[in-house]
Amino acid sequence: MKHILILVVLSLVMLTGCSMQGKLTRAYEGKKWEQVQLSEGRPTRVENRANGEKVMVYVREKNLGKARINTGSFQYDEFASPPATKTETTRFYVSKDGIVKRVEFERDYER
């Protein structure tokens, strides 16, 4: 029982530590904006805020085709999920000094 509890706790720690938001925050928060540009490239758009800060927005879209779904009946029964578009949006909030203050990541699927 003790081993199961330890395994569950370690699994939860690993799952929360491996999220995309956590990875981006650890990688870029507090770093200079130039370092982000070197690794990520040019942003899709730049939004200027009233306080002089900038929001650098990266949008990546990927078309996901039909995925076969096995129903367990006959192998000749065709059943597939509809195609979808995956959109990943990353926002870097950059201070006047060029330092990344905050990172936001969101993923959206559209059918």
PDB file of N, CA and C in Angstrom:
ATOM      1  N   MET A   1       0.828  -1.191   0.000  1.00  0.00           N
ATOM      2  CA  MET A   1       0.000   0.000   0.000  1.00  0.00           C
ATOM      3  C   MET A   1       0.873   1.256   0.000  1.00  0.00           C
ATOM      4  N   LYS A   2       1.958   1.193   0.744  1.00  0.00           N
ATOM      5  CA  LYS A   2       2.861   2.334   0.840  1.00  0.00           C
ATOM      6  C   LYS A   2       3.512   2.610  -0.517  1.00  0.00           C
ATOM      7  N   HIS A   3       3.837   1.542  -1.247  1.00  0.00           N
ATOM      8  CA  HIS A   3       4.468   1.700  -2.559  1.00  0.00           C
ATOM      9  C   HIS A   3       3.501   2.318  -3.570  1.00  0.00           C
ATOM     10  N   ILE A   4       2.239   1.946  -3.473  1.00  0.00           N
ATOM     11  CA  ILE A   4       1.242   2.504  -4.385  1.00  0.00           C
ATOM     12  C   ILE A   4       1.073   3.998  -4.140  1.00  0.00           C
ATOM     13  N   LEU A   5       1.047   4.394  -2.891  1.00  0.00           N
ATOM     14  CA  LEU A   5       0.914   5.809  -2.552  1.00  0.00           C
ATOM     15  C   LEU A   5       2.102   6.612  -3.079  1.00  0.00           C
ATOM     16  N   ILE A   6       3.288   6.079  -2.920  1.00  0.00           N
ATOM     17  CA  ILE A   6       4.494   6.755  -3.422  1.00  0.00           C
ATOM     18  C   ILE A   6       4.440   6.852  -4.940  1.00  0.00           C
ATOM     19  N   LEU A   7       3.996   5.791  -5.602  1.00  0.00           N
ATOM     20  CA  LEU A   7       3.898   5.790  -7.057  1.00  0.00           C
ATOM     21  C   LEU A   7       2.895   6.833  -7.549  1.00  0.00           C
ATOM     22  N   VAL A   8       1.769   6.948  -6.878  1.00  0.00           N
ATOM     23  CA  VAL A   8       0.755   7.930  -7.258  1.00  0.00           C
ATOM     24  C   VAL A   8       1.286   9.350  -7.075  1.00  0.00           C
ATOM     25  N   VAL A   9       1.944   9.616  -5.977  1.00  0.00           N
ATOM     26  CA  VAL A   9       2.487  10.952  -5.719  1.00  0.00           C
ATOM     27  C   VAL A   9       3.547  11.304  -6.759  1.00  0.00           C
ATOM     28  N   LEU A  10       4.440  10.381  -7.061  1.00  0.00           N
ATOM     29  CA  LEU A  10       5.475  10.644  -8.069  1.00  0.00           C
ATOM     30  C   LEU A  10       4.857  10.869  -9.446  1.00  0.00           C
ATOM     31  N   SER A  11       3.821  10.128  -9.780  1.00  0.00           N
ATOM     32  CA  SER A  11       3.153  10.305 -11.071  1.00  0.00           C
ATOM     33  C   SER A  11       2.534  11.688 -11.185  1.00  0.00           C
ATOM     34  N   LEU A  12       1.883  12.140 -10.124  1.00  0.00           N
ATOM     35  CA  LEU A  12       1.277  13.472 -10.146  1.00  0.00           C
ATOM     36  C   LEU A  12       2.323  14.569 -10.279  1.00  0.00           C
ATOM     37  N   VAL A  13       3.436  14.416  -9.594  1.00  0.00           N
ATOM     38  CA  VAL A  13       4.514  15.407  -9.686  1.00  0.00           C
ATOM     39  C   VAL A  13       5.065  15.456 -11.101  1.00  0.00           C
ATOM     40  N   MET A  14       5.248  14.307 -11.716  1.00  0.00           N
ATOM     41  CA  MET A  14       5.787  14.269 -13.075  1.00  0.00           C
ATOM     42  C   MET A  14       4.796  14.844 -14.078  1.00  0.00           C
ATOM     43  N   LEU A  15       3.515  14.553 -13.913  1.00  0.00           N
ATOM     44  CA  LEU A  15       2.516  15.075 -14.850  1.00  0.00           C
ATOM     45  C   LEU A  15       2.408  16.589 -14.780  1.00  0.00           C
ATOM     46  N   THR A  16       2.436  17.150 -13.587  1.00  0.00           N
ATOM     47  CA  THR A  16       2.337  18.606 -13.479  1.00  0.00           C
ATOM     48  C   THR A  16       3.624  19.279 -13.926  1.00  0.00           C
ATOM     49  N   GLY A  17       4.749  18.643 -13.740  1.00  0.00           N
ATOM     50  CA  GLY A  17       6.021  19.225 -14.143  1.00  0.00           C
ATOM     51  C   GLY A  17       6.277  19.139 -15.629  1.00  0.00           C
ATOM     52  N   CYS A  18       5.555  18.293 -16.322  1.00  0.00           N
ATOM     53  CA  CYS A  18       5.794  18.085 -17.744  1.00  0.00           C
ATOM     54  C   CYS A  18       4.811  18.820 -18.641  1.00  0.00           C
ATOM     55  N   SER A  19       3.985  19.641 -18.105  1.00  0.00           N
ATOM     56  CA  SER A  19       3.011  20.347 -18.936  1.00  0.00           C
ATOM     57  C   SER A  19       3.715  21.377 -19.817  1.00  0.00           C
ATOM     58  N   MET A  20       3.087  21.681 -20.946  1.00  0.00           N
ATOM     59  CA  MET A  20       3.682  22.628 -21.889  1.00  0.00           C
ATOM     60  C   MET A  20       3.821  24.012 -21.268  1.00  0.00           C
ATOM     61  N   GLN A  21       2.820  24.438 -20.521  1.00  0.00           N
ATOM     62  CA  GLN A  21       2.882  25.746 -19.856  1.00  0.00           C
ATOM     63  C   GLN A  21       4.076  25.803 -18.915  1.00  0.00           C
ATOM     64  N   GLY A  22       4.272  24.764 -18.137  1.00  0.00           N
ATOM     65  CA  GLY A  22       5.389  24.729 -17.196  1.00  0.00           C
ATOM     66  C   GLY A  22       6.731  24.743 -17.897  1.00  0.00           C
ATOM     67  N   LYS A  23       6.831  24.003 -18.993  1.00  0.00           N
ATOM     68  CA  LYS A  23       8.090  23.968 -19.744  1.00  0.00           C
ATOM     69  C   LYS A  23       8.429  25.340 -20.320  1.00  0.00           C
ATOM     70  N   LEU A  24       7.428  25.988 -20.907  1.00  0.00           N
ATOM     71  CA  LEU A  24       7.674  27.310 -21.485  1.00  0.00           C
ATOM     72  C   LEU A  24       8.036  28.331 -20.422  1.00  0.00           C
ATOM     73  N   THR A  25       7.348  28.282 -19.299  1.00  0.00           N
ATOM     74  CA  THR A  25       7.622  29.232 -18.221  1.00  0.00           C
ATOM     75  C   THR A  25       9.039  29.052 -17.701  1.00  0.00           C
ATOM     76  N   ARG A  26       9.431  27.820 -17.456  1.00  0.00           N
ATOM     77  CA  ARG A  26      10.791  27.569 -16.954  1.00  0.00           C
ATOM     78  C   ARG A  26      11.846  27.955 -17.979  1.00  0.00           C
ATOM     79  N   ALA A  27      11.553  27.748 -19.256  1.00  0.00           N
ATOM     80  CA  ALA A  27      12.548  27.997 -20.296  1.00  0.00           C
ATOM     81  C   ALA A  27      12.755  29.482 -20.579  1.00  0.00           C
ATOM     82  N   TYR A  28      11.688  30.291 -20.500  1.00  0.00           N
ATOM     83  CA  TYR A  28      11.792  31.662 -20.990  1.00  0.00           C
ATOM     84  C   TYR A  28      11.529  32.759 -19.975  1.00  0.00           C
ATOM     85  N   GLU A  29      10.835  32.497 -18.907  1.00  0.00           N
ATOM     86  CA  GLU A  29      10.496  33.555 -17.957  1.00  0.00           C
ATOM     87  C   GLU A  29      11.768  34.122 -17.318  1.00  0.00           C
ATOM     88  N   GLY A  30      11.901  35.457 -17.362  1.00  0.00           N
ATOM     89  CA  GLY A  30      13.076  36.116 -16.803  1.00  0.00           C
ATOM     90  C   GLY A  30      14.229  36.249 -17.780  1.00  0.00           C
ATOM     91  N   LYS A  31      14.087  35.692 -18.974  1.00  0.00           N
ATOM     92  CA  LYS A  31      15.148  35.756 -19.986  1.00  0.00           C
ATOM     93  C   LYS A  31      14.919  36.963 -20.890  1.00  0.00           C
ATOM     94  N   LYS A  32      15.947  37.318 -21.647  1.00  0.00           N
ATOM     95  CA  LYS A  32      15.833  38.421 -22.600  1.00  0.00           C
ATOM     96  C   LYS A  32      15.015  37.973 -23.809  1.00  0.00           C
ATOM     97  N   TRP A  33      14.308  38.933 -24.391  1.00  0.00           N
ATOM     98  CA  TRP A  33      13.453  38.639 -25.524  1.00  0.00           C
ATOM     99  C   TRP A  33      14.249  38.105 -26.715  1.00  0.00           C
ATOM    100  N   GLU A  34      15.479  38.539 -26.876  1.00  0.00           N
ATOM    101  CA  GLU A  34      16.305  38.093 -27.996  1.00  0.00           C
ATOM    102  C   GLU A  34      16.541  36.584 -27.946  1.00  0.00           C
ATOM    103  N   GLN A  35      16.654  36.024 -26.737  1.00  0.00           N
ATOM    104  CA  GLN A  35      16.846  34.576 -26.608  1.00  0.00           C
ATOM    105  C   GLN A  35      15.616  33.814 -27.093  1.00  0.00           C
ATOM    106  N   VAL A  36      14.447  34.359 -26.832  1.00  0.00           N
ATOM    107  CA  VAL A  36      13.215  33.721 -27.297  1.00  0.00           C
ATOM    108  C   VAL A  36      13.157  33.761 -28.817  1.00  0.00           C
ATOM    109  N   GLN A  37      13.493  34.909 -29.393  1.00  0.00           N
ATOM    110  CA  GLN A  37      13.447  35.047 -30.847  1.00  0.00           C
ATOM    111  C   GLN A  37      14.434  34.118 -31.534  1.00  0.00           C
ATOM    112  N   LEU A  38      15.591  33.913 -30.945  1.00  0.00           N
ATOM    113  CA  LEU A  38      16.570  33.017 -31.554  1.00  0.00           C
ATOM    114  C   LEU A  38      16.054  31.585 -31.624  1.00  0.00           C
ATOM    115  N   SER A  39      15.324  31.153 -30.618  1.00  0.00           N
ATOM    116  CA  SER A  39      14.854  29.770 -30.611  1.00  0.00           C
ATOM    117  C   SER A  39      13.479  29.594 -31.258  1.00  0.00           C
ATOM    118  N   GLU A  40      12.604  30.589 -31.174  1.00  0.00           N
ATOM    119  CA  GLU A  40      11.235  30.454 -31.682  1.00  0.00           C
ATOM    120  C   GLU A  40      11.016  31.125 -33.037  1.00  0.00           C
ATOM    121  N   GLY A  41      11.890  32.045 -33.427  1.00  0.00           N
ATOM    122  CA  GLY A  41      11.707  32.764 -34.686  1.00  0.00           C
ATOM    123  C   GLY A  41      10.890  34.035 -34.489  1.00  0.00           C
ATOM    124  N   ARG A  42      10.447  34.606 -35.613  1.00  0.00           N
ATOM    125  CA  ARG A  42       9.662  35.843 -35.550  1.00  0.00           C
ATOM    126  C   ARG A  42       8.247  35.542 -35.084  1.00  0.00           C
ATOM    127  N   PRO A  43       7.673  36.426 -34.266  1.00  0.00           N
ATOM    128  CA  PRO A  43       6.296  36.202 -33.808  1.00  0.00           C
ATOM    129  C   PRO A  43       5.287  36.419 -34.940  1.00  0.00           C
ATOM    130  N   THR A  44       4.135  35.787 -34.799  1.00  0.00           N
ATOM    131  CA  THR A  44       3.058  35.954 -35.771  1.00  0.00           C
ATOM    132  C   THR A  44       2.534  37.383 -35.739  1.00  0.00           C
ATOM    133  N   ARG A  45       2.371  37.921 -34.542  1.00  0.00           N
ATOM    134  CA  ARG A  45       1.953  39.321 -34.396  1.00  0.00           C
ATOM    135  C   ARG A  45       2.489  39.872 -33.075  1.00  0.00           C
ATOM    136  N   VAL A  46       2.562  41.204 -33.012  1.00  0.00           N
ATOM    137  CA  VAL A  46       3.027  41.901 -31.814  1.00  0.00           C
ATOM    138  C   VAL A  46       1.922  42.854 -31.378  1.00  0.00           C
ATOM    139  N   GLU A  47       1.521  42.762 -30.103  1.00  0.00           N
ATOM    140  CA  GLU A  47       0.485  43.636 -29.562  1.00  0.00           C
ATOM    141  C   GLU A  47       1.134  44.588 -28.560  1.00  0.00           C
ATOM    142  N   ASN A  48       0.975  45.894 -28.792  1.00  0.00           N
ATOM    143  CA  ASN A  48       1.507  46.903 -27.875  1.00  0.00           C
ATOM    144  C   ASN A  48       0.468  47.198 -26.801  1.00  0.00           C
ATOM    145  N   ARG A  49       0.913  47.230 -25.551  1.00  0.00           N
ATOM    146  CA  ARG A  49       0.013  47.528 -24.436  1.00  0.00           C
ATOM    147  C   ARG A  49       0.194  48.983 -24.016  1.00  0.00           C
ATOM    148  N   ALA A  50      -0.768  49.492 -23.261  1.00  0.00           N
ATOM    149  CA  ALA A  50      -0.766  50.903 -22.857  1.00  0.00           C
ATOM    150  C   ALA A  50       0.414  51.249 -21.955  1.00  0.00           C
ATOM    151  N   ASN A  51       0.885  50.301 -21.149  1.00  0.00           N
ATOM    152  CA  ASN A  51       1.975  50.581 -20.213  1.00  0.00           C
ATOM    153  C   ASN A  51       3.360  50.433 -20.845  1.00  0.00           C
ATOM    154  N   GLY A  52       3.423  50.267 -22.156  1.00  0.00           N
ATOM    155  CA  GLY A  52       4.705  50.168 -22.837  1.00  0.00           C
ATOM    156  C   GLY A  52       5.194  48.746 -23.027  1.00  0.00           C
ATOM    157  N   GLU A  53       4.541  47.793 -22.409  1.00  0.00           N
ATOM    158  CA  GLU A  53       4.922  46.396 -22.595  1.00  0.00           C
ATOM    159  C   GLU A  53       4.405  45.892 -23.937  1.00  0.00           C
ATOM    160  N   LYS A  54       4.967  44.779 -24.372  1.00  0.00           N
ATOM    161  CA  LYS A  54       4.548  44.169 -25.631  1.00  0.00           C
ATOM    162  C   LYS A  54       4.143  42.725 -25.371  1.00  0.00           C
ATOM    163  N   VAL A  55       3.203  42.261 -26.164  1.00  0.00           N
ATOM    164  CA  VAL A  55       2.800  40.856 -26.128  1.00  0.00           C
ATOM    165  C   VAL A  55       3.174  40.265 -27.479  1.00  0.00           C
ATOM    166  N   MET A  56       4.116  39.335 -27.462  1.00  0.00           N
ATOM    167  CA  MET A  56       4.548  38.658 -28.677  1.00  0.00           C
ATOM    168  C   MET A  56       3.730  37.378 -28.807  1.00  0.00           C
ATOM    169  N   VAL A  57       3.004  37.250 -29.910  1.00  0.00           N
ATOM    170  CA  VAL A  57       2.077  36.134 -30.083  1.00  0.00           C
ATOM    171  C   VAL A  57       2.576  35.223 -31.201  1.00  0.00           C
ATOM    172  N   TYR A  58       2.673  33.942 -30.895  1.00  0.00           N
ATOM    173  CA  TYR A  58       3.012  32.912 -31.870  1.00  0.00           C
ATOM    174  C   TYR A  58       1.788  32.026 -32.057  1.00  0.00           C
ATOM    175  N   VAL A  59       1.366  31.848 -33.307  1.00  0.00           N
ATOM    176  CA  VAL A  59       0.230  30.979 -33.613  1.00  0.00           C
ATOM    177  C   VAL A  59       0.713  29.915 -34.590  1.00  0.00           C
ATOM    178  N   ARG A  60       0.506  28.659 -34.213  1.00  0.00           N
ATOM    179  CA  ARG A  60       0.882  27.539 -35.073  1.00  0.00           C
ATOM    180  C   ARG A  60      -0.361  26.688 -35.313  1.00  0.00           C
ATOM    181  N   GLU A  61      -0.659  26.439 -36.589  1.00  0.00           N
ATOM    182  CA  GLU A  61      -1.809  25.615 -36.940  1.00  0.00           C
ATOM    183  C   GLU A  61      -1.332  24.347 -37.627  1.00  0.00           C
ATOM    184  N   LYS A  62      -2.027  23.252 -37.336  1.00  0.00           N
ATOM    185  CA  LYS A  62      -1.689  21.975 -37.956  1.00  0.00           C
ATOM    186  C   LYS A  62      -2.989  21.256 -38.287  1.00  0.00           C
ATOM    187  N   ASN A  63      -3.106  20.799 -39.536  1.00  0.00           N
ATOM    188  CA  ASN A  63      -4.286  20.047 -39.940  1.00  0.00           C
ATOM    189  C   ASN A  63      -4.109  18.592 -39.540  1.00  0.00           C
ATOM    190  N   LEU A  64      -5.071  18.084 -38.809  1.00  0.00           N
ATOM    191  CA  LEU A  64      -5.066  16.689 -38.399  1.00  0.00           C
ATOM    192  C   LEU A  64      -6.089  15.962 -39.259  1.00  0.00           C
ATOM    193  N   GLY A  65      -5.642  14.989 -40.023  1.00  0.00           N
ATOM    194  CA  GLY A  65      -6.537  14.261 -40.915  1.00  0.00           C
ATOM    195  C   GLY A  65      -7.448  13.315 -40.154  1.00  0.00           C
ATOM    196  N   LYS A  66      -8.189  12.529 -40.920  1.00  0.00           N
ATOM    197  CA  LYS A  66      -9.075  11.545 -40.309  1.00  0.00           C
ATOM    198  C   LYS A  66      -8.252  10.506 -39.570  1.00  0.00           C
ATOM    199  N   ALA A  67      -8.721  10.113 -38.415  1.00  0.00           N
ATOM    200  CA  ALA A  67      -8.054   9.070 -37.636  1.00  0.00           C
ATOM    201  C   ALA A  67      -8.977   7.857 -37.582  1.00  0.00           C
ATOM    202  N   ARG A  68      -8.445   6.704 -37.931  1.00  0.00           N
ATOM    203  CA  ARG A  68      -9.254   5.488 -37.891  1.00  0.00           C
ATOM    204  C   ARG A  68      -9.528   5.098 -36.455  1.00  0.00           C
ATOM    205  N   ILE A  69     -10.749   4.701 -36.216  1.00  0.00           N
ATOM    206  CA  ILE A  69     -11.161   4.250 -34.895  1.00  0.00           C
ATOM    207  C   ILE A  69     -11.546   2.788 -35.017  1.00  0.00           C
ATOM    208  N   ASN A  70     -10.924   1.942 -34.235  1.00  0.00           N
ATOM    209  CA  ASN A  70     -11.225   0.519 -34.263  1.00  0.00           C
ATOM    210  C   ASN A  70     -12.435   0.259 -33.378  1.00  0.00           C
ATOM    211  N   THR A  71     -13.505  -0.260 -33.992  1.00  0.00           N
ATOM    212  CA  THR A  71     -14.725  -0.526 -33.238  1.00  0.00           C
ATOM    213  C   THR A  71     -14.721  -1.901 -32.598  1.00  0.00           C
ATOM    214  N   GLY A  72     -13.787  -2.753 -32.990  1.00  0.00           N
ATOM    215  CA  GLY A  72     -13.720  -4.091 -32.422  1.00  0.00           C
ATOM    216  C   GLY A  72     -14.606  -5.086 -33.131  1.00  0.00           C
ATOM    217  N   SER A  73     -15.392  -4.650 -34.114  1.00  0.00           N
ATOM    218  CA  SER A  73     -16.270  -5.568 -34.839  1.00  0.00           C
ATOM    219  C   SER A  73     -15.482  -6.227 -35.962  1.00  0.00           C
ATOM    220  N   PHE A  74     -15.664  -5.754 -37.144  1.00  0.00           N
ATOM    221  CA  PHE A  74     -14.960  -6.294 -38.294  1.00  0.00           C
ATOM    222  C   PHE A  74     -13.924  -5.287 -38.754  1.00  0.00           C
ATOM    223  N   GLN A  75     -12.839  -5.792 -39.291  1.00  0.00           N
ATOM    224  CA  GLN A  75     -11.779  -4.881 -39.705  1.00  0.00           C
ATOM    225  C   GLN A  75     -12.164  -4.084 -40.946  1.00  0.00           C
ATOM    226  N   TYR A  76     -13.208  -4.505 -41.641  1.00  0.00           N
ATOM    227  CA  TYR A  76     -13.607  -3.802 -42.851  1.00  0.00           C
ATOM    228  C   TYR A  76     -14.623  -2.694 -42.578  1.00  0.00           C
ATOM    229  N   ASP A  77     -15.097  -2.597 -41.358  1.00  0.00           N
ATOM    230  CA  ASP A  77     -16.005  -1.509 -41.008  1.00  0.00           C
ATOM    231  C   ASP A  77     -15.194  -0.229 -40.856  1.00  0.00           C
ATOM    232  N   GLU A  78     -15.419   0.710 -41.742  1.00  0.00           N
ATOM    233  CA  GLU A  78     -14.675   1.974 -41.704  1.00  0.00           C
ATOM    234  C   GLU A  78     -15.373   2.946 -40.760  1.00  0.00           C
ATOM    235  N   PHE A  79     -14.658   3.371 -39.758  1.00  0.00           N
ATOM    236  CA  PHE A  79     -15.176   4.374 -38.828  1.00  0.00           C
ATOM    237  C   PHE A  79     -14.013   5.283 -38.485  1.00  0.00           C
ATOM    238  N   ALA A  80     -14.126   6.547 -38.841  1.00  0.00           N
ATOM    239  CA  ALA A  80     -13.010   7.470 -38.627  1.00  0.00           C
ATOM    240  C   ALA A  80     -13.518   8.750 -37.985  1.00  0.00           C
ATOM    241  N   SER A  81     -12.658   9.342 -37.180  1.00  0.00           N
ATOM    242  CA  SER A  81     -13.001  10.635 -36.588  1.00  0.00           C
ATOM    243  C   SER A  81     -12.888  11.707 -37.668  1.00  0.00           C
ATOM    244  N   PRO A  82     -13.665  12.766 -37.585  1.00  0.00           N
ATOM    245  CA  PRO A  82     -13.590  13.818 -38.603  1.00  0.00           C
ATOM    246  C   PRO A  82     -12.255  14.561 -38.519  1.00  0.00           C
ATOM    247  N   PRO A  83     -11.808  15.107 -39.655  1.00  0.00           N
ATOM    248  CA  PRO A  83     -10.559  15.878 -39.619  1.00  0.00           C
ATOM    249  C   PRO A  83     -10.712  17.119 -38.745  1.00  0.00           C
ATOM    250  N   ALA A  84      -9.605  17.555 -38.179  1.00  0.00           N
ATOM    251  CA  ALA A  84      -9.626  18.715 -37.287  1.00  0.00           C
ATOM    252  C   ALA A  84      -8.391  19.571 -37.535  1.00  0.00           C
ATOM    253  N   THR A  85      -8.445  20.796 -37.040  1.00  0.00           N
ATOM    254  CA  THR A  85      -7.302  21.705 -37.089  1.00  0.00           C
ATOM    255  C   THR A  85      -6.886  22.019 -35.662  1.00  0.00           C
ATOM    256  N   LYS A  86      -5.608  21.769 -35.368  1.00  0.00           N
ATOM    257  CA  LYS A  86      -5.073  22.068 -34.039  1.00  0.00           C
ATOM    258  C   LYS A  86      -4.371  23.421 -34.105  1.00  0.00           C
ATOM    259  N   THR A  87      -4.748  24.326 -33.210  1.00  0.00           N
ATOM    260  CA  THR A  87      -4.138  25.652 -33.145  1.00  0.00           C
ATOM    261  C   THR A  87      -3.475  25.822 -31.788  1.00  0.00           C
ATOM    262  N   GLU A  88      -2.171  26.094 -31.806  1.00  0.00           N
ATOM    263  CA  GLU A  88      -1.422  26.354 -30.575  1.00  0.00           C
ATOM    264  C   GLU A  88      -1.022  27.825 -30.556  1.00  0.00           C
ATOM    265  N   THR A  89      -1.413  28.521 -29.510  1.00  0.00           N
ATOM    266  CA  THR A  89      -1.106  29.943 -29.368  1.00  0.00           C
ATOM    267  C   THR A  89      -0.234  30.146 -28.136  1.00  0.00           C
ATOM    268  N   THR A  90       0.905  30.792 -28.334  1.00  0.00           N
ATOM    269  CA  THR A  90       1.818  31.100 -27.237  1.00  0.00           C
ATOM    270  C   THR A  90       1.971  32.606 -27.160  1.00  0.00           C
ATOM    271  N   ARG A  91       1.792  33.161 -25.954  1.00  0.00           N
ATOM    272  CA  ARG A  91       1.930  34.605 -25.741  1.00  0.00           C
ATOM    273  C   ARG A  91       3.076  34.857 -24.772  1.00  0.00           C
ATOM    274  N   PHE A  92       4.001  35.721 -25.190  1.00  0.00           N
ATOM    275  CA  PHE A  92       5.110  36.141 -24.342  1.00  0.00           C
ATOM    276  C   PHE A  92       4.871  37.599 -23.962  1.00  0.00           C
ATOM    277  N   TYR A  93       4.744  37.871 -22.676  1.00  0.00           N
ATOM    278  CA  TYR A  93       4.563  39.237 -22.178  1.00  0.00           C
ATOM    279  C   TYR A  93       5.943  39.795 -21.870  1.00  0.00           C
ATOM    280  N   VAL A  94       6.349  40.817 -22.631  1.00  0.00           N
ATOM    281  CA  VAL A  94       7.708  41.353 -22.557  1.00  0.00           C
ATOM    282  C   VAL A  94       7.667  42.764 -21.984  1.00  0.00           C
ATOM    283  N   SER A  95       8.530  43.033 -20.989  1.00  0.00           N
ATOM    284  CA  SER A  95       8.582  44.353 -20.348  1.00  0.00           C
ATOM    285  C   SER A  95       9.266  45.365 -21.263  1.00  0.00           C
ATOM    286  N   LYS A  96       9.280  46.620 -20.831  1.00  0.00           N
ATOM    287  CA  LYS A  96       9.948  47.683 -21.586  1.00  0.00           C
ATOM    288  C   LYS A  96      11.435  47.397 -21.743  1.00  0.00           C
ATOM    289  N   ASP A  97      12.007  46.693 -20.759  1.00  0.00           N
ATOM    290  CA  ASP A  97      13.439  46.387 -20.777  1.00  0.00           C
ATOM    291  C   ASP A  97      13.779  45.201 -21.669  1.00  0.00           C
ATOM    292  N   GLY A  98      12.780  44.538 -22.236  1.00  0.00           N
ATOM    293  CA  GLY A  98      13.034  43.388 -23.098  1.00  0.00           C
ATOM    294  C   GLY A  98      13.135  42.073 -22.348  1.00  0.00           C
ATOM    295  N   ILE A  99      12.602  42.013 -21.130  1.00  0.00           N
ATOM    296  CA  ILE A  99      12.634  40.795 -20.316  1.00  0.00           C
ATOM    297  C   ILE A  99      11.254  40.130 -20.363  1.00  0.00           C
ATOM    298  N   VAL A 100      11.231  38.813 -20.554  1.00  0.00           N
ATOM    299  CA  VAL A 100       9.970  38.070 -20.583  1.00  0.00           C
ATOM    300  C   VAL A 100       9.441  37.957 -19.159  1.00  0.00           C
ATOM    301  N   LYS A 101       8.263  38.528 -18.918  1.00  0.00           N
ATOM    302  CA  LYS A 101       7.656  38.527 -17.582  1.00  0.00           C
ATOM    303  C   LYS A 101       6.733  37.339 -17.362  1.00  0.00           C
ATOM    304  N   ARG A 102       6.005  36.942 -18.412  1.00  0.00           N
ATOM    305  CA  ARG A 102       5.015  35.883 -18.258  1.00  0.00           C
ATOM    306  C   ARG A 102       4.833  35.178 -19.595  1.00  0.00           C
ATOM    307  N   VAL A 103       4.501  33.895 -19.541  1.00  0.00           N
ATOM    308  CA  VAL A 103       4.257  33.105 -20.745  1.00  0.00           C
ATOM    309  C   VAL A 103       2.903  32.415 -20.598  1.00  0.00           C
ATOM    310  N   GLU A 104       2.096  32.470 -21.656  1.00  0.00           N
ATOM    311  CA  GLU A 104       0.810  31.772 -21.671  1.00  0.00           C
ATOM    312  C   GLU A 104       0.761  30.864 -22.891  1.00  0.00           C
ATOM    313  N   PHE A 105       0.178  29.686 -22.717  1.00  0.00           N
ATOM    314  CA  PHE A 105       0.051  28.723 -23.813  1.00  0.00           C
ATOM    315  C   PHE A 105      -1.362  28.177 -23.824  1.00  0.00           C
ATOM    316  N   GLU A 106      -1.944  28.080 -25.010  1.00  0.00           N
ATOM    317  CA  GLU A 106      -3.269  27.458 -25.119  1.00  0.00           C
ATOM    318  C   GLU A 106      -3.338  26.645 -26.409  1.00  0.00           C
ATOM    319  N   ARG A 107      -4.097  25.569 -26.337  1.00  0.00           N
ATOM    320  CA  ARG A 107      -4.262  24.669 -27.477  1.00  0.00           C
ATOM    321  C   ARG A 107      -5.757  24.532 -27.743  1.00  0.00           C
ATOM    322  N   ASP A 108      -6.136  24.616 -29.030  1.00  0.00           N
ATOM    323  CA  ASP A 108      -7.542  24.556 -29.392  1.00  0.00           C
ATOM    324  C   ASP A 108      -7.699  23.641 -30.602  1.00  0.00           C
ATOM    325  N   TYR A 109      -8.774  22.865 -30.612  1.00  0.00           N
ATOM    326  CA  TYR A 109      -9.086  21.976 -31.730  1.00  0.00           C
ATOM    327  C   TYR A 109     -10.389  22.430 -32.366  1.00  0.00           C
ATOM    328  N   GLU A 110     -10.392  22.513 -33.693  1.00  0.00           N
ATOM    329  CA  GLU A 110     -11.587  22.926 -34.421  1.00  0.00           C
ATOM    330  C   GLU A 110     -11.908  21.875 -35.474  1.00  0.00           C
ATOM    331  N   ARG A 111     -13.166  21.462 -35.503  1.00  0.00           N
ATOM    332  CA  ARG A 111     -13.582  20.453 -36.495  1.00  0.00           C
ATOM    333  C   ARG A 111     -14.391  21.083 -37.581  1.00  0.00           C
TER     334      ARG A 111
END
